[in-house]
Amino acid sequence: GSVIRAAWTRRSRGEAEKRPNRKSWKRRTDMYMRPFLLDIFFSKKFIHAKLTHRGTSKVICVATTNAKDLRNSLPSLIDPDACRIIGKLIAERSKEADVYAMAYEPRKNERIE
């Protein structure tokens, strides 16, 4: 009896070839509960923020202090004022794309101050 049950739960070769990188139930449900992911990169020289759709991995909007117009107009590319400007830009651009809620997960060993 246990051998037959094990055979039913195991994926066949054909099914594995059709969907090689099948995500776990937790990752799939998390993707649907929080579909938009905000990624912020703090460099020593600039700040880069990106909003991504988790299901399709498509970038919805991007804002960076390294862009030509911001680089020439801001006194510092990494101070709190620059962070505030990037936040406002991401908010405006995400509203234009009809995104009103997003999730942010800090990277490993990243401190938020």
Protein backbone atom coordinates (compact mmCIF):
# COMPACT_ATOMS: atom_id res chain seq x y z
CA GLY A 1 0.00 0.00 0.00
CA SER A 2 2.74 2.53 0.88
CA VAL A 3 4.61 1.99 -2.39
CA ILE A 4 1.50 2.73 -4.46
CA ARG A 5 0.74 5.89 -2.43
CA ALA A 6 4.30 7.12 -2.95
CA ALA A 7 3.99 6.58 -6.69
CA TRP A 8 0.86 8.75 -6.84
CA THR A 9 2.48 11.68 -5.08
CA ARG A 10 5.69 11.64 -7.11
CA ARG A 11 5.79 13.79 -10.24
CA SER A 12 6.25 11.98 -13.53
CA ARG A 13 9.11 12.83 -15.88
CA GLY A 14 6.78 14.40 -18.42
CA GLU A 15 5.27 16.70 -15.80
CA ALA A 16 8.72 17.69 -14.53
CA GLU A 17 9.81 18.60 -18.06
CA LYS A 18 6.72 20.75 -18.63
CA ARG A 19 7.17 22.77 -15.42
CA PRO A 20 10.81 22.47 -14.27
CA ASN A 21 10.85 25.33 -11.75
CA ARG A 22 7.55 24.85 -9.96
CA LYS A 23 7.27 27.04 -6.88
CA SER A 24 6.10 25.83 -3.51
CA TRP A 25 2.58 26.51 -2.26
CA LYS A 26 3.85 29.12 0.20
CA ARG A 27 5.75 31.06 -2.48
CA ARG A 28 2.78 30.95 -4.88
CA THR A 29 0.27 32.17 -2.30
CA ASP A 30 2.70 34.85 -1.09
CA MET A 31 3.08 36.01 -4.67
CA TYR A 32 -0.70 36.45 -5.02
CA MET A 33 -1.16 38.06 -1.60
CA ARG A 34 1.68 40.56 -2.14
CA PRO A 35 2.08 40.83 -5.93
CA PHE A 36 4.23 43.99 -6.04
CA LEU A 37 7.71 44.04 -4.54
CA LEU A 38 9.73 47.20 -3.87
CA ASP A 39 13.50 46.84 -4.17
CA ILE A 40 15.71 49.68 -2.93
CA PHE A 41 19.47 49.72 -3.48
CA PHE A 42 21.55 52.13 -1.41
CA SER A 43 24.96 52.64 -2.96
CA LYS A 44 27.72 54.88 -1.63
CA LYS A 45 27.13 57.13 -4.66
CA PHE A 46 23.38 56.94 -5.45
CA ILE A 47 19.97 55.46 -4.54
CA HIS A 48 18.05 53.16 -6.89
CA ALA A 49 14.42 52.05 -6.31
CA LYS A 50 12.46 49.59 -8.45
CA LEU A 51 8.90 48.23 -8.24
CA THR A 52 8.44 44.74 -9.70
CA HIS A 53 5.43 42.49 -10.30
CA ARG A 54 6.32 39.19 -8.64
CA GLY A 55 4.18 36.98 -10.86
CA THR A 56 5.59 38.12 -14.19
CA SER A 57 8.90 39.63 -12.95
CA LYS A 58 8.14 42.77 -14.95
CA VAL A 59 9.38 46.13 -13.74
CA ILE A 60 6.50 48.55 -13.12
CA CYS A 61 8.50 51.69 -12.35
CA VAL A 62 12.05 52.80 -11.55
CA ALA A 63 13.52 55.87 -9.87
CA THR A 64 17.19 56.64 -9.28
CA THR A 65 19.22 59.62 -8.15
CA ASN A 66 21.78 58.66 -10.78
CA ALA A 67 19.45 59.87 -13.58
CA LYS A 68 20.74 62.91 -15.50
CA ASP A 69 18.04 65.34 -14.36
CA LEU A 70 18.34 64.42 -10.66
CA ARG A 71 22.13 64.07 -10.69
CA ASN A 72 22.56 67.66 -11.86
CA SER A 73 19.84 69.20 -9.67
CA LEU A 74 20.39 67.50 -6.28
CA PRO A 75 23.22 68.69 -3.98
CA SER A 76 23.75 65.15 -2.62
CA LEU A 77 22.61 61.87 -4.18
CA ILE A 78 22.47 59.92 -0.90
CA ASP A 79 21.15 62.30 1.78
CA PRO A 80 17.64 62.08 3.35
CA ASP A 81 16.27 64.69 0.92
CA ALA A 82 17.31 62.48 -2.01
CA CYS A 83 15.56 59.51 -0.34
CA ARG A 84 12.40 61.58 0.06
CA ILE A 85 12.48 62.60 -3.62
CA ILE A 86 12.95 58.99 -4.75
CA GLY A 87 10.03 57.94 -2.54
CA LYS A 88 7.78 60.60 -4.07
CA LEU A 89 8.81 59.61 -7.61
CA ILE A 90 8.11 55.92 -6.98
CA ALA A 91 4.74 56.82 -5.40
CA GLU A 92 3.69 58.97 -8.36
CA ARG A 93 4.79 56.45 -10.96
CA SER A 94 3.17 53.52 -9.17
CA LYS A 95 -0.14 55.43 -8.90
CA GLU A 96 0.00 56.00 -12.65
CA ALA A 97 0.34 52.21 -13.06
CA ASP A 98 -2.62 51.64 -10.65
CA VAL A 99 -0.45 50.14 -7.90
CA TYR A 100 -1.48 51.31 -4.45
CA ALA A 101 0.12 48.68 -2.17
CA MET A 102 3.54 47.03 -2.29
CA ALA A 103 5.78 44.89 -0.09
CA TYR A 104 9.35 45.63 0.93
CA GLU A 105 11.74 42.95 2.15
CA PRO A 106 15.22 44.09 3.21
CA ARG A 107 18.18 42.09 1.96
CA LYS A 108 20.17 39.80 4.23
CA ASN A 109 22.35 41.64 6.77
CA GLU A 110 20.81 44.99 5.73
CA ARG A 111 20.11 47.46 8.52
CA ILE A 112 17.33 50.02 8.22
CA GLU A 113 18.04 53.31 9.98
